[in-house]
Structures are given as C-alpha cells and as structure tokens.
Amino acid sequence: MSVGIDVGGTFTDIVFFDGRVFSHTKTMKTSEFIKYHDLIERYSNAVFAIAGWIRGGKILKTPNIPEFEVKMFEGKMIENDANCFAIYAHHVTGYSNIFAVTLGTGIGAAIIADSELYRGNGLASEIGHAFVGGEESCVCGGVGHLETFFSGWAIKRKFGRELSRKELLRLDGFRILCAEVAKAVLILDPEAIVFGGRISATLEPGDFMPVYSYLPPEFRPEIKVIKDPLAVAKGAAILAGER
C-alpha cells in the first residue's frame, strides 16, 4: 500500500493506494496536522504533496501555510501539490499532454508533457504568482499577482465568505485567470486543461469557455474539471507507488 498525503493550504488529506483502489484514511486541518510530529513520522514512506515551492527536494516557500516547519519534512518524499494533482489528472483522463490548474486556498498549476511530469528547474508553472496588475499584496510577499484576484484567501479577505458559482463567474479576477491560462496554452499547446481544487468544484467545464476567447482558433484543448476533493492526495499516492 502506498500513501499520499495532501498538505494543503487549509486541509490535509491522507489516502492509501493498492495499485487499483484508493482508500481515504483521514482529513484534518493543516494547522493541526503539522503539529503532530509523530503522525508525520508514522507515514515516513508517504509522498507529501506540499502547497509550496519545491526545488531540488527542498521546500523553498509555503506562502499559503505560514506556520509550516520545513525541518519536519526533511528526509521525506515531497512534491508540489499541483504536480500531484496533474499526476492524478493524467491517471484518470489518459491525456498525454495536460495543463493542470488547482483553484483553492491558492492557485497552483502543473504540466504533464508526453505522459511525464514536467518540473523545469523545480518551480515550473507557478502561474498563481504571475504579475497581472494592481497593487494588492500577495501572501508570497509580492504585489499584483494572480492569486490576489482569484484565490480562496483573496476572496475571503475581500468578501469574508465563500462565493457562489454565479458570484465567482462575475468576478473580474475570473476573466484575468482565464487570460493567464490561455497564455500557458499558447506556450504548451496541451491536449487538455484540467481544473481541480475546492473553487473549481463549484464550477463546470463550460464556465471556463472564456479561455478560448483569448486564443487563436487553432488552439482548442479539451477543458475538464475534476471535482474529487482527494485528487491531490491520490496523485501523491500514485507517485509513492512509483517511487
């Protein structure tokens, strides 16, 4: 049994995988999970999907988990959470070339190229921290990033609550998100754009049609939404089994 643990910006999910069937073991607040050093050690053979920037096996920054302690995960198998989502997206869709986007506490993205995860120098596809304008402060320390317009934390800061599907689609930030995704499509020319995460779960594939309005007609990747809240943990479990 391989184990995948999604250490997200808000919640942590633990999933087992026997090569055929996934089993959900536990969900708890990330703020609580990272206090239990013994629990982390118990799953020392797991792949931990971290909502953070990882290069060369080292966690450089976790903008959406301010209380995160890097030392707790030294010597553990770690991977970026969006990368794990992309692995699961490849597993369930079968597409060989995918641009995967997670919309939750933050905005993550990842690339599957020729059926393999593409990491670049480690930080490939951090579109949530692309500069798109304005002077709003981002949790990473920057200003005017995409996350300041359409992330879970930005929506909560501005409205004090979660928004409905109709409210999300009316946000100027949604239009900006679609434009940024379109830029990535022009570079990657993927077969599919696959969305996941808590915010994506409230939306439908057709809601993302504005992406096409920013693209030449020759670029028409399939748009899919994976509404499985355990998708990241499942991707981590798949990766644990491979390793």
C-alpha atoms as a PDB file:
ATOM      1  CA  MET A   1       0.000   0.000   0.000  1.00  0.00           C
ATOM      2  CA  SER A   2       1.393   3.376  -0.987  1.00  0.00           C
ATOM      3  CA  VAL A   3       0.412   6.517   0.918  1.00  0.00           C
ATOM      4  CA  GLY A   4      -0.260  10.014  -0.375  1.00  0.00           C
ATOM      5  CA  ILE A   5      -0.722  12.969   1.953  1.00  0.00           C
ATOM      6  CA  ASP A   6      -2.015  16.292   0.665  1.00  0.00           C
ATOM      7  CA  VAL A   7      -0.740  19.025   2.982  1.00  0.00           C
ATOM      8  CA  GLY A   8      -2.890  21.835   1.606  1.00  0.00           C
ATOM      9  CA  GLY A   9      -3.312  25.452   2.488  1.00  0.00           C
ATOM     10  CA  THR A  10      -6.367  24.647   4.624  1.00  0.00           C
ATOM     11  CA  PHE A  11      -6.832  20.876   4.972  1.00  0.00           C
ATOM     12  CA  THR A  12      -4.628  17.758   4.969  1.00  0.00           C
ATOM     13  CA  ASP A  13      -5.907  14.517   3.410  1.00  0.00           C
ATOM     14  CA  ILE A  14      -4.365  11.042   3.797  1.00  0.00           C
ATOM     15  CA  VAL A  15      -5.030   8.384   1.140  1.00  0.00           C
ATOM     16  CA  PHE A  16      -3.843   4.786   0.654  1.00  0.00           C
ATOM     17  CA  PHE A  17      -3.492   3.137  -2.776  1.00  0.00           C
ATOM     18  CA  ASP A  18      -3.030  -0.560  -3.506  1.00  0.00           C
ATOM     19  CA  GLY A  19      -2.448  -0.092  -7.233  1.00  0.00           C
ATOM     20  CA  ARG A  20      -6.155  -0.404  -8.032  1.00  0.00           C
ATOM     21  CA  VAL A  21      -8.272   1.172  -5.305  1.00  0.00           C
ATOM     22  CA  PHE A  22      -7.820   4.354  -3.281  1.00  0.00           C
ATOM     23  CA  SER A  23      -8.800   4.422   0.408  1.00  0.00           C
ATOM     24  CA  HIS A  24      -9.387   7.679   2.250  1.00  0.00           C
ATOM     25  CA  THR A  25      -7.990   7.423   5.774  1.00  0.00           C
ATOM     26  CA  LYS A  26      -8.157  10.848   7.349  1.00  0.00           C
ATOM     27  CA  THR A  27      -8.819  14.551   6.801  1.00  0.00           C
ATOM     28  CA  MET A  28      -7.820  17.239   9.277  1.00  0.00           C
ATOM     29  CA  LYS A  29      -6.898  20.903   9.331  1.00  0.00           C
ATOM     30  CA  THR A  30      -3.361  21.506   8.111  1.00  0.00           C
ATOM     31  CA  SER A  31      -2.731  23.806  11.057  1.00  0.00           C
ATOM     32  CA  GLU A  32      -3.350  20.782  13.308  1.00  0.00           C
ATOM     33  CA  PHE A  33      -1.581  18.175  11.159  1.00  0.00           C
ATOM     34  CA  ILE A  34       1.770  19.958  11.138  1.00  0.00           C
ATOM     35  CA  LYS A  35       1.775  19.982  14.955  1.00  0.00           C
ATOM     36  CA  TYR A  36       1.733  16.173  15.114  1.00  0.00           C
ATOM     37  CA  HIS A  37       5.371  15.256  14.509  1.00  0.00           C
ATOM     38  CA  ASP A  38       4.689  11.632  15.465  1.00  0.00           C
ATOM     39  CA  LEU A  39       1.947  11.375  12.838  1.00  0.00           C
ATOM     40  CA  ILE A  40       4.283  12.680  10.147  1.00  0.00           C
ATOM     41  CA  GLU A  41       6.941  10.179  11.183  1.00  0.00           C
ATOM     42  CA  ARG A  42       4.387   7.367  11.120  1.00  0.00           C
ATOM     43  CA  TYR A  43       3.934   7.988   7.408  1.00  0.00           C
ATOM     44  CA  SER A  44       7.640   8.344   6.631  1.00  0.00           C
ATOM     45  CA  ASN A  45       7.252   6.337   3.392  1.00  0.00           C
ATOM     46  CA  ALA A  46       4.449   8.534   2.071  1.00  0.00           C
ATOM     47  CA  VAL A  47       4.723  11.195  -0.592  1.00  0.00           C
ATOM     48  CA  PHE A  48       3.761  14.515   0.959  1.00  0.00           C
ATOM     49  CA  ALA A  49       2.082  16.876  -1.501  1.00  0.00           C
ATOM     50  CA  ILE A  50       3.029  20.307  -0.203  1.00  0.00           C
ATOM     51  CA  ALA A  51       1.305  23.574  -1.086  1.00  0.00           C
ATOM     52  CA  GLY A  52       4.656  25.237  -1.641  1.00  0.00           C
ATOM     53  CA  TRP A  53       7.619  25.879  -3.904  1.00  0.00           C
ATOM     54  CA  ILE A  54       9.980  22.906  -4.110  1.00  0.00           C
ATOM     55  CA  ARG A  55      13.314  22.769  -5.901  1.00  0.00           C
ATOM     56  CA  GLY A  56      15.887  20.003  -5.692  1.00  0.00           C
ATOM     57  CA  GLY A  57      13.928  18.222  -2.975  1.00  0.00           C
ATOM     58  CA  LYS A  58      13.964  21.317  -0.758  1.00  0.00           C
ATOM     59  CA  ILE A  59      10.945  23.382   0.262  1.00  0.00           C
ATOM     60  CA  LEU A  60      11.746  27.000  -0.533  1.00  0.00           C
ATOM     61  CA  LYS A  61       8.496  28.683   0.432  1.00  0.00           C
ATOM     62  CA  THR A  62       4.957  27.821   1.561  1.00  0.00           C
ATOM     63  CA  PRO A  63       3.032  31.086   1.006  1.00  0.00           C
ATOM     64  CA  ASN A  64      -0.331  29.612   1.970  1.00  0.00           C
ATOM     65  CA  ILE A  65       0.895  27.729   5.079  1.00  0.00           C
ATOM     66  CA  PRO A  66       2.594  30.453   7.128  1.00  0.00           C
ATOM     67  CA  GLU A  67       3.128  28.190  10.182  1.00  0.00           C
ATOM     68  CA  PHE A  68       4.836  25.468   8.110  1.00  0.00           C
ATOM     69  CA  GLU A  69       8.038  23.979   9.546  1.00  0.00           C
ATOM     70  CA  VAL A  70      10.394  22.801   6.805  1.00  0.00           C
ATOM     71  CA  LYS A  71      12.517  20.704   9.185  1.00  0.00           C
ATOM     72  CA  MET A  72       9.569  18.401   9.876  1.00  0.00           C
ATOM     73  CA  PHE A  73       9.734  17.123   6.295  1.00  0.00           C
ATOM     74  CA  GLU A  74      13.499  16.774   5.904  1.00  0.00           C
ATOM     75  CA  GLY A  75      14.317  13.324   4.539  1.00  0.00           C
ATOM     76  CA  LYS A  76      10.714  12.768   3.443  1.00  0.00           C
ATOM     77  CA  MET A  77       9.467  12.294  -0.113  1.00  0.00           C
ATOM     78  CA  ILE A  78       7.879  15.621  -1.055  1.00  0.00           C
ATOM     79  CA  GLU A  79       6.228  17.005  -4.157  1.00  0.00           C
ATOM     80  CA  ASN A  80       4.341  20.153  -5.088  1.00  0.00           C
ATOM     81  CA  ASP A  81       0.594  19.706  -4.615  1.00  0.00           C
ATOM     82  CA  ALA A  82      -0.348  20.903  -8.101  1.00  0.00           C
ATOM     83  CA  ASN A  83       2.155  18.429  -9.569  1.00  0.00           C
ATOM     84  CA  CYS A  84       0.393  15.638  -7.665  1.00  0.00           C
ATOM     85  CA  PHE A  85      -2.953  16.834  -8.993  1.00  0.00           C
ATOM     86  CA  ALA A  86      -1.543  16.701 -12.529  1.00  0.00           C
ATOM     87  CA  ILE A  87      -0.391  13.111 -11.960  1.00  0.00           C
ATOM     88  CA  TYR A  88      -3.914  12.156 -10.896  1.00  0.00           C
ATOM     89  CA  ALA A  89      -5.422  14.088 -13.827  1.00  0.00           C
ATOM     90  CA  HIS A  90      -3.227  12.061 -16.192  1.00  0.00           C
ATOM     91  CA  HIS A  91      -4.258   8.861 -14.383  1.00  0.00           C
ATOM     92  CA  VAL A  92      -7.995   9.449 -14.811  1.00  0.00           C
ATOM     93  CA  THR A  93      -8.130  11.232 -18.188  1.00  0.00           C
ATOM     94  CA  GLY A  94      -5.396   9.409 -20.086  1.00  0.00           C
ATOM     95  CA  TYR A  95      -4.253  12.582 -21.840  1.00  0.00           C
ATOM     96  CA  SER A  96      -0.516  12.677 -22.566  1.00  0.00           C
ATOM     97  CA  ASN A  97      -0.204  16.474 -22.530  1.00  0.00           C
ATOM     98  CA  ILE A  98      -2.040  18.361 -19.809  1.00  0.00           C
ATOM     99  CA  PHE A  99      -2.008  21.813 -18.283  1.00  0.00           C
ATOM    100  CA  ALA A 100      -3.430  21.290 -14.790  1.00  0.00           C
ATOM    101  CA  VAL A 101      -4.736  24.145 -12.633  1.00  0.00           C
ATOM    102  CA  THR A 102      -5.777  23.971  -8.978  1.00  0.00           C
ATOM    103  CA  LEU A 103      -8.063  26.661  -7.576  1.00  0.00           C
ATOM    104  CA  GLY A 104      -8.291  26.520  -3.811  1.00  0.00           C
ATOM    105  CA  THR A 105      -6.673  28.460  -0.996  1.00  0.00           C
ATOM    106  CA  GLY A 106      -4.114  29.472  -3.613  1.00  0.00           C
ATOM    107  CA  ILE A 107      -3.708  28.963  -7.366  1.00  0.00           C
ATOM    108  CA  GLY A 108      -1.412  26.163  -8.471  1.00  0.00           C
ATOM    109  CA  ALA A 109      -0.565  24.736 -11.863  1.00  0.00           C
ATOM    110  CA  ALA A 110       1.434  21.867 -13.307  1.00  0.00           C
ATOM    111  CA  ILE A 111       2.396  20.289 -16.610  1.00  0.00           C
ATOM    112  CA  ILE A 112       2.213  16.759 -17.954  1.00  0.00           C
ATOM    113  CA  ALA A 113       4.287  16.505 -21.158  1.00  0.00           C
ATOM    114  CA  ASP A 114       4.393  13.244 -23.116  1.00  0.00           C
ATOM    115  CA  SER A 115       2.831  11.482 -20.103  1.00  0.00           C
ATOM    116  CA  GLU A 116       5.588  12.682 -17.762  1.00  0.00           C
ATOM    117  CA  LEU A 117       5.505  15.330 -15.059  1.00  0.00           C
ATOM    118  CA  TYR A 118       7.468  18.395 -16.138  1.00  0.00           C
ATOM    119  CA  ARG A 119       9.165  20.262 -13.279  1.00  0.00           C
ATOM    120  CA  GLY A 120      11.568  22.525 -15.159  1.00  0.00           C
ATOM    121  CA  ASN A 121      14.148  23.655 -12.629  1.00  0.00           C
ATOM    122  CA  GLY A 122      11.674  22.755  -9.922  1.00  0.00           C
ATOM    123  CA  LEU A 123       9.185  25.621  -9.962  1.00  0.00           C
ATOM    124  CA  ALA A 124       7.574  25.151 -13.360  1.00  0.00           C
ATOM    125  CA  SER A 125       4.142  26.722 -13.824  1.00  0.00           C
ATOM    126  CA  GLU A 126       3.680  28.857 -10.685  1.00  0.00           C
ATOM    127  CA  ILE A 127       1.103  30.991 -12.506  1.00  0.00           C
ATOM    128  CA  GLY A 128      -0.571  31.984  -9.256  1.00  0.00           C
ATOM    129  CA  HIS A 129       2.350  34.307  -8.677  1.00  0.00           C
ATOM    130  CA  ALA A 130       2.482  35.830 -12.143  1.00  0.00           C
ATOM    131  CA  PHE A 131       2.145  39.621 -12.100  1.00  0.00           C
ATOM    132  CA  VAL A 132      -1.181  40.644 -13.617  1.00  0.00           C
ATOM    133  CA  GLY A 133      -1.532  44.183 -12.301  1.00  0.00           C
ATOM    134  CA  GLY A 134      -2.702  46.211  -9.357  1.00  0.00           C
ATOM    135  CA  GLU A 135      -1.043  46.880  -6.014  1.00  0.00           C
ATOM    136  CA  GLU A 136      -2.676  44.213  -3.847  1.00  0.00           C
ATOM    137  CA  SER A 137      -0.196  42.387  -1.597  1.00  0.00           C
ATOM    138  CA  CYS A 138       0.222  38.653  -2.182  1.00  0.00           C
ATOM    139  CA  VAL A 139       0.834  36.101   0.580  1.00  0.00           C
ATOM    140  CA  CYS A 140       4.197  35.295  -1.038  1.00  0.00           C
ATOM    141  CA  GLY A 141       5.428  38.837  -0.441  1.00  0.00           C
ATOM    142  CA  GLY A 142       4.904  40.072  -3.990  1.00  0.00           C
ATOM    143  CA  VAL A 143       2.382  42.545  -5.361  1.00  0.00           C
ATOM    144  CA  GLY A 144      -0.298  42.287  -8.045  1.00  0.00           C
ATOM    145  CA  HIS A 145      -0.098  38.517  -8.501  1.00  0.00           C
ATOM    146  CA  LEU A 146      -2.878  36.403  -9.985  1.00  0.00           C
ATOM    147  CA  GLU A 147      -3.661  34.988  -6.525  1.00  0.00           C
ATOM    148  CA  THR A 148      -4.608  38.462  -5.313  1.00  0.00           C
ATOM    149  CA  PHE A 149      -7.535  38.366  -7.769  1.00  0.00           C
ATOM    150  CA  PHE A 150      -8.984  34.856  -7.640  1.00  0.00           C
ATOM    151  CA  SER A 151      -7.589  32.662  -4.857  1.00  0.00           C
ATOM    152  CA  GLY A 152      -9.541  31.365  -1.878  1.00  0.00           C
ATOM    153  CA  TRP A 153      -7.573  33.543   0.508  1.00  0.00           C
ATOM    154  CA  ALA A 154      -8.112  36.683  -1.623  1.00  0.00           C
ATOM    155  CA  ILE A 155     -11.853  36.045  -1.899  1.00  0.00           C
ATOM    156  CA  LYS A 156     -12.098  35.514   1.857  1.00  0.00           C
ATOM    157  CA  ARG A 157     -10.118  38.695   2.513  1.00  0.00           C
ATOM    158  CA  LYS A 158     -12.361  40.743   0.236  1.00  0.00           C
ATOM    159  CA  PHE A 159     -15.791  39.217   0.910  1.00  0.00           C
ATOM    160  CA  GLY A 160     -15.380  37.403   4.242  1.00  0.00           C
ATOM    161  CA  ARG A 161     -17.043  34.262   2.870  1.00  0.00           C
ATOM    162  CA  GLU A 162     -17.049  31.744   0.042  1.00  0.00           C
ATOM    163  CA  LEU A 163     -18.818  32.791  -3.157  1.00  0.00           C
ATOM    164  CA  SER A 164     -21.442  31.007  -5.224  1.00  0.00           C
ATOM    165  CA  ARG A 165     -20.812  29.847  -8.770  1.00  0.00           C
ATOM    166  CA  LYS A 166     -22.597  32.883 -10.229  1.00  0.00           C
ATOM    167  CA  GLU A 167     -20.660  35.257  -7.998  1.00  0.00           C
ATOM    168  CA  LEU A 168     -17.336  33.662  -8.956  1.00  0.00           C
ATOM    169  CA  LEU A 169     -18.050  33.967 -12.657  1.00  0.00           C
ATOM    170  CA  ARG A 170     -18.872  37.656 -12.296  1.00  0.00           C
ATOM    171  CA  LEU A 171     -15.533  38.481 -10.687  1.00  0.00           C
ATOM    172  CA  ASP A 172     -13.033  40.399 -12.777  1.00  0.00           C
ATOM    173  CA  GLY A 173     -10.474  38.003 -11.339  1.00  0.00           C
ATOM    174  CA  PHE A 174     -12.102  35.094 -13.181  1.00  0.00           C
ATOM    175  CA  ARG A 175     -11.549  36.834 -16.505  1.00  0.00           C
ATOM    176  CA  ILE A 176      -7.927  37.504 -15.555  1.00  0.00           C
ATOM    177  CA  LEU A 177      -7.481  33.839 -14.587  1.00  0.00           C
ATOM    178  CA  CYS A 178      -8.796  32.688 -17.967  1.00  0.00           C
ATOM    179  CA  ALA A 179      -6.425  35.058 -19.763  1.00  0.00           C
ATOM    180  CA  GLU A 180      -3.424  33.719 -17.820  1.00  0.00           C
ATOM    181  CA  VAL A 181      -4.424  30.114 -18.516  1.00  0.00           C
ATOM    182  CA  ALA A 182      -4.677  30.987 -22.213  1.00  0.00           C
ATOM    183  CA  LYS A 183      -1.095  32.274 -22.182  1.00  0.00           C
ATOM    184  CA  ALA A 184       0.077  28.929 -20.833  1.00  0.00           C
ATOM    185  CA  VAL A 185      -1.907  27.126 -23.543  1.00  0.00           C
ATOM    186  CA  LEU A 186      -0.129  29.142 -26.232  1.00  0.00           C
ATOM    187  CA  ILE A 187       3.224  28.025 -24.833  1.00  0.00           C
ATOM    188  CA  LEU A 188       2.374  24.380 -24.122  1.00  0.00           C
ATOM    189  CA  ASP A 189      -0.353  23.515 -26.666  1.00  0.00           C
ATOM    190  CA  PRO A 190      -1.798  20.820 -24.356  1.00  0.00           C
ATOM    191  CA  GLU A 191      -4.496  18.326 -25.278  1.00  0.00           C
ATOM    192  CA  ALA A 192      -6.435  19.304 -22.187  1.00  0.00           C
ATOM    193  CA  ILE A 193      -6.725  21.894 -19.440  1.00  0.00           C
ATOM    194  CA  VAL A 194      -7.799  20.126 -16.264  1.00  0.00           C
ATOM    195  CA  PHE A 195      -9.058  22.157 -13.307  1.00  0.00           C
ATOM    196  CA  GLY A 196      -9.244  20.939  -9.724  1.00  0.00           C
ATOM    197  CA  GLY A 197      -9.454  22.248  -6.165  1.00  0.00           C
ATOM    198  CA  ARG A 198     -12.230  23.459  -3.908  1.00  0.00           C
ATOM    199  CA  ILE A 199     -13.164  26.501  -6.026  1.00  0.00           C
ATOM    200  CA  SER A 200     -13.080  24.533  -9.292  1.00  0.00           C
ATOM    201  CA  ALA A 201     -15.502  22.025  -7.729  1.00  0.00           C
ATOM    202  CA  THR A 202     -18.205  24.712  -7.741  1.00  0.00           C
ATOM    203  CA  LEU A 203     -17.725  25.356 -11.468  1.00  0.00           C
ATOM    204  CA  GLU A 204     -18.436  23.447 -14.691  1.00  0.00           C
ATOM    205  CA  PRO A 205     -16.200  22.900 -17.748  1.00  0.00           C
ATOM    206  CA  GLY A 206     -18.374  25.284 -19.784  1.00  0.00           C
ATOM    207  CA  ASP A 207     -17.697  28.070 -17.302  1.00  0.00           C
ATOM    208  CA  PHE A 208     -14.090  28.139 -18.496  1.00  0.00           C
ATOM    209  CA  MET A 209     -15.033  28.770 -22.134  1.00  0.00           C
ATOM    210  CA  PRO A 210     -13.690  32.361 -21.855  1.00  0.00           C
ATOM    211  CA  VAL A 211     -10.210  30.796 -22.075  1.00  0.00           C
ATOM    212  CA  TYR A 212     -10.914  30.184 -25.768  1.00  0.00           C
ATOM    213  CA  SER A 213     -11.697  33.861 -26.351  1.00  0.00           C
ATOM    214  CA  TYR A 214      -8.046  34.666 -25.624  1.00  0.00           C
ATOM    215  CA  LEU A 215      -6.748  32.044 -28.063  1.00  0.00           C
ATOM    216  CA  PRO A 216      -6.452  31.716 -31.845  1.00  0.00           C
ATOM    217  CA  PRO A 217      -8.987  29.184 -33.176  1.00  0.00           C
ATOM    218  CA  GLU A 218      -6.237  26.637 -33.813  1.00  0.00           C
ATOM    219  CA  PHE A 219      -5.844  26.197 -30.047  1.00  0.00           C
ATOM    220  CA  ARG A 220      -8.775  24.270 -28.656  1.00  0.00           C
ATOM    221  CA  PRO A 221      -7.678  21.997 -25.805  1.00  0.00           C
ATOM    222  CA  GLU A 222     -10.360  19.981 -24.046  1.00  0.00           C
ATOM    223  CA  ILE A 223     -11.477  21.586 -20.772  1.00  0.00           C
ATOM    224  CA  LYS A 224     -12.211  19.270 -17.856  1.00  0.00           C
ATOM    225  CA  VAL A 225     -12.992  19.741 -14.164  1.00  0.00           C
ATOM    226  CA  ILE A 226     -12.082  17.065 -11.607  1.00  0.00           C
ATOM    227  CA  LYS A 227     -14.325  17.524  -8.578  1.00  0.00           C
ATOM    228  CA  ASP A 228     -12.664  14.882  -6.428  1.00  0.00           C
ATOM    229  CA  PRO A 229     -11.527  16.634  -3.198  1.00  0.00           C
ATOM    230  CA  LEU A 230      -8.910  13.891  -2.704  1.00  0.00           C
ATOM    231  CA  ALA A 231      -7.339  14.259  -6.148  1.00  0.00           C
ATOM    232  CA  VAL A 232      -4.051  15.711  -4.859  1.00  0.00           C
ATOM    233  CA  ALA A 233      -3.639  13.031  -2.182  1.00  0.00           C
ATOM    234  CA  LYS A 234      -4.440  10.352  -4.752  1.00  0.00           C
ATOM    235  CA  GLY A 235      -1.814  11.742  -7.112  1.00  0.00           C
ATOM    236  CA  ALA A 236       0.714  11.675  -4.271  1.00  0.00           C
ATOM    237  CA  ALA A 237      -0.223   8.046  -3.544  1.00  0.00           C
ATOM    238  CA  ILE A 238       0.323   7.127  -7.199  1.00  0.00           C
ATOM    239  CA  LEU A 239       3.721   8.806  -7.072  1.00  0.00           C
ATOM    240  CA  ALA A 240       4.587   6.993  -3.820  1.00  0.00           C
ATOM    241  CA  GLY A 241       3.815   3.698  -5.517  1.00  0.00           C
ATOM    242  CA  GLU A 242       6.095   4.557  -8.440  1.00  0.00           C
ATOM    243  CA  ARG A 243       8.933   5.530  -6.156  1.00  0.00           C
END
